[in-house]
C-alpha atoms as a PDB file:
ATOM      1  CA  MET A   1      -0.121  -0.148  -0.080  1.00  0.00           C
ATOM      2  CA  ASP A   2       0.987   3.630  -0.825  1.00  0.00           C
ATOM      3  CA  GLN A   3       1.907   6.304   1.757  1.00  0.00           C
ATOM      4  CA  ASP A   4      -1.203   8.198   0.349  1.00  0.00           C
ATOM      5  CA  THR A   5      -3.401   5.170   0.549  1.00  0.00           C
ATOM      6  CA  ARG A   6      -2.364   4.660   3.999  1.00  0.00           C
ATOM      7  CA  GLN A   7      -2.789   8.696   5.219  1.00  0.00           C
ATOM      8  CA  ARG A   8      -6.305   8.754   3.761  1.00  0.00           C
ATOM      9  CA  ILE A   9      -7.227   5.580   5.688  1.00  0.00           C
ATOM     10  CA  ASP A  10      -5.555   7.211   8.947  1.00  0.00           C
ATOM     11  CA  ASP A  11      -7.370  10.402   8.335  1.00  0.00           C
ATOM     12  CA  LEU A  12     -10.845   8.889   8.021  1.00  0.00           C
ATOM     13  CA  LEU A  13     -10.198   6.906  11.276  1.00  0.00           C
ATOM     14  CA  LYS A  14      -8.972  10.108  13.033  1.00  0.00           C
ATOM     15  CA  ARG A  15     -12.151  11.921  11.908  1.00  0.00           C
ATOM     16  CA  HIS A  16     -14.920   9.649  12.532  1.00  0.00           C
ATOM     17  CA  ASP A  17     -15.111   7.587  15.866  1.00  0.00           C
ATOM     18  CA  ILE A  18     -17.021   4.768  13.997  1.00  0.00           C
ATOM     19  CA  VAL A  19     -15.965   3.653  10.421  1.00  0.00           C
ATOM     20  CA  LEU A  20     -17.414   0.932   8.275  1.00  0.00           C
ATOM     21  CA  PHE A  21     -15.227   0.228   5.045  1.00  0.00           C
ATOM     22  CA  MET A  22     -18.242  -1.750   2.878  1.00  0.00           C
ATOM     23  CA  LYS A  23     -19.506  -2.619  -0.408  1.00  0.00           C
ATOM     24  CA  GLY A  24     -22.040   0.233  -1.103  1.00  0.00           C
ATOM     25  CA  ASN A  25     -23.342   2.488   1.859  1.00  0.00           C
ATOM     26  CA  ALA A  26     -25.305   2.471   4.848  1.00  0.00           C
ATOM     27  CA  ASN A  27     -28.606   2.925   2.961  1.00  0.00           C
ATOM     28  CA  PHE A  28     -27.645   0.628   0.004  1.00  0.00           C
ATOM     29  CA  PRO A  29     -25.282  -2.037   0.701  1.00  0.00           C
ATOM     30  CA  MET A  30     -24.045  -3.823  -2.290  1.00  0.00           C
ATOM     31  CA  CYS A  31     -23.415  -7.386  -0.493  1.00  0.00           C
ATOM     32  CA  GLY A  32     -25.116  -9.372   2.169  1.00  0.00           C
ATOM     33  CA  PHE A  33     -22.192  -8.910   4.672  1.00  0.00           C
ATOM     34  CA  SER A  34     -22.357  -5.317   4.154  1.00  0.00           C
ATOM     35  CA  GLY A  35     -25.822  -5.411   4.442  1.00  0.00           C
ATOM     36  CA  ARG A  36     -25.699  -7.362   8.072  1.00  0.00           C
ATOM     37  CA  ALA A  37     -22.727  -5.106   9.177  1.00  0.00           C
ATOM     38  CA  VAL A  38     -25.242  -1.990   8.882  1.00  0.00           C
ATOM     39  CA  GLN A  39     -27.982  -3.898  10.694  1.00  0.00           C
ATOM     40  CA  LEU A  40     -25.995  -4.917  13.467  1.00  0.00           C
ATOM     41  CA  LEU A  41     -24.855  -1.502  13.929  1.00  0.00           C
ATOM     42  CA  LYS A  42     -28.312   0.031  13.694  1.00  0.00           C
ATOM     43  CA  ALA A  43     -29.299  -2.410  16.012  1.00  0.00           C
ATOM     44  CA  CYS A  44     -26.749  -1.014  18.271  1.00  0.00           C
ATOM     45  CA  GLY A  45     -28.620   2.497  18.065  1.00  0.00           C
ATOM     46  CA  ILE A  46     -26.639   3.966  14.977  1.00  0.00           C
ATOM     47  CA  GLU A  47     -28.495   5.924  12.514  1.00  0.00           C
ATOM     48  CA  PRO A  48     -27.408   5.024   9.210  1.00  0.00           C
ATOM     49  CA  ARG A  49     -27.435   8.664   7.952  1.00  0.00           C
ATOM     50  CA  THR A  50     -24.920   9.386  10.622  1.00  0.00           C
ATOM     51  CA  LEU A  51     -22.774   6.010  10.168  1.00  0.00           C
ATOM     52  CA  ALA A  52     -19.121   6.961   8.368  1.00  0.00           C
ATOM     53  CA  THR A  53     -19.159   4.523   5.728  1.00  0.00           C
ATOM     54  CA  VAL A  54     -16.420   3.964   3.035  1.00  0.00           C
ATOM     55  CA  ASN A  55     -17.652   2.456  -0.200  1.00  0.00           C
ATOM     56  CA  VAL A  56     -14.729   0.203  -1.175  1.00  0.00           C
ATOM     57  CA  LEU A  57     -16.268  -0.371  -4.705  1.00  0.00           C
ATOM     58  CA  GLN A  58     -15.636   3.271  -5.640  1.00  0.00           C
ATOM     59  CA  ASP A  59     -12.076   3.471  -4.786  1.00  0.00           C
ATOM     60  CA  ASP A  60      -9.501   0.315  -5.883  1.00  0.00           C
ATOM     61  CA  ALA A  61      -6.673   2.163  -3.647  1.00  0.00           C
ATOM     62  CA  ILE A  62      -8.758   1.847  -0.588  1.00  0.00           C
ATOM     63  CA  ARG A  63     -10.450  -1.707  -1.351  1.00  0.00           C
ATOM     64  CA  GLN A  64      -6.974  -3.314  -1.480  1.00  0.00           C
ATOM     65  CA  GLY A  65      -5.364  -0.895   1.060  1.00  0.00           C
ATOM     66  CA  ILE A  66      -7.876  -1.327   3.903  1.00  0.00           C
ATOM     67  CA  LYS A  67      -7.060  -5.197   3.878  1.00  0.00           C
ATOM     68  CA  GLU A  68      -3.142  -4.539   4.291  1.00  0.00           C
ATOM     69  CA  TYR A  69      -4.120  -1.791   6.776  1.00  0.00           C
ATOM     70  CA  SER A  70      -5.958  -4.362   9.188  1.00  0.00           C
ATOM     71  CA  ASN A  71      -4.278  -7.520   8.019  1.00  0.00           C
ATOM     72  CA  TRP A  72      -7.868  -8.657   7.170  1.00  0.00           C
ATOM     73  CA  PRO A  73      -8.900 -10.253   3.983  1.00  0.00           C
ATOM     74  CA  THR A  74     -12.405  -9.656   3.570  1.00  0.00           C
ATOM     75  CA  ILE A  75     -14.698  -6.452   3.405  1.00  0.00           C
ATOM     76  CA  PRO A  76     -16.900  -4.932   5.437  1.00  0.00           C
ATOM     77  CA  GLN A  77     -14.561  -3.937   8.010  1.00  0.00           C
ATOM     78  CA  LEU A  78     -15.386  -1.902  11.490  1.00  0.00           C
ATOM     79  CA  TYR A  79     -13.211   0.398  13.190  1.00  0.00           C
ATOM     80  CA  ILE A  80     -14.231   2.223  16.381  1.00  0.00           C
ATOM     81  CA  LYS A  81     -12.299   5.015  17.909  1.00  0.00           C
ATOM     82  CA  GLY A  82      -9.372   3.956  15.315  1.00  0.00           C
ATOM     83  CA  GLU A  83      -9.305   0.209  16.435  1.00  0.00           C
ATOM     84  CA  PHE A  84      -9.978  -2.618  14.014  1.00  0.00           C
ATOM     85  CA  ILE A  85     -12.907  -4.261  15.244  1.00  0.00           C
ATOM     86  CA  GLY A  86     -13.456  -7.184  12.580  1.00  0.00           C
ATOM     87  CA  GLY A  87     -15.718  -7.981   9.737  1.00  0.00           C
ATOM     88  CA  SER A  88     -19.432  -9.167   9.903  1.00  0.00           C
ATOM     89  CA  ASP A  89     -19.171 -12.535  11.349  1.00  0.00           C
ATOM     90  CA  ILE A  90     -17.266 -10.860  14.331  1.00  0.00           C
ATOM     91  CA  MET A  91     -19.506  -8.378  14.842  1.00  0.00           C
ATOM     92  CA  MET A  92     -22.399 -10.631  15.011  1.00  0.00           C
ATOM     93  CA  GLU A  93     -20.617 -12.826  17.636  1.00  0.00           C
ATOM     94  CA  MET A  94     -20.206  -9.659  19.530  1.00  0.00           C
ATOM     95  CA  TYR A  95     -23.319  -8.619  19.426  1.00  0.00           C
ATOM     96  CA  GLU A  96     -25.042 -11.596  20.573  1.00  0.00           C
ATOM     97  CA  SER A  97     -22.504 -11.300  23.679  1.00  0.00           C
ATOM     98  CA  GLY A  98     -23.577  -7.453  23.965  1.00  0.00           C
ATOM     99  CA  GLU A  99     -19.891  -6.751  23.707  1.00  0.00           C
ATOM    100  CA  LEU A 100     -20.886  -4.453  20.096  1.00  0.00           C
ATOM    101  CA  GLN A 101     -23.371  -2.662  21.732  1.00  0.00           C
ATOM    102  CA  GLN A 102     -21.122  -1.734  24.743  1.00  0.00           C
ATOM    103  CA  LEU A 103     -18.061  -0.288  22.162  1.00  0.00           C
ATOM    104  CA  VAL A 104     -20.570   1.302  19.862  1.00  0.00           C
ATOM    105  CA  SER A 105     -22.093   3.321  23.014  1.00  0.00           C
ATOM    106  CA  SER A 106     -18.885   3.928  24.514  1.00  0.00           C
ATOM    107  CA  ALA A 107     -18.241   5.570  21.028  1.00  0.00           C
ATOM    108  CA  LEU A 108     -21.314   7.600  20.548  1.00  0.00           C
END
C-alpha cells in the first residue's frame, strides 16, 4: 500500500469514531455481509445517515489498502475509535454477547 492510501485511511479513522469500510453505503449495501454489518450497527442504535461508511467499490486503492492496513482479507471492516474490530461474522458474535453494543455506546 502506498503512503497516500495509508494517510487517507488514517485520516478517515481520526475524523470519525465509528467507520465501516463496506461495499455500497449504509442506505444501499452492495453485498449481504455489508448489509448485515449495517443492520447490526443499527441494532446498536446507530442511525444509518450518521454512520461514516467508505464504499470500497468506488476506490480500488482503499479496497486493497484497507486489507493490508488491518491485515484482514475481507470487507466489510468495522473500526471504532481507530481500532479494527472485525468483519460481519465477528460483529455478529460480539453483538450476541453484548460486547458490540458496549463498544458502540462508548463511541457515541
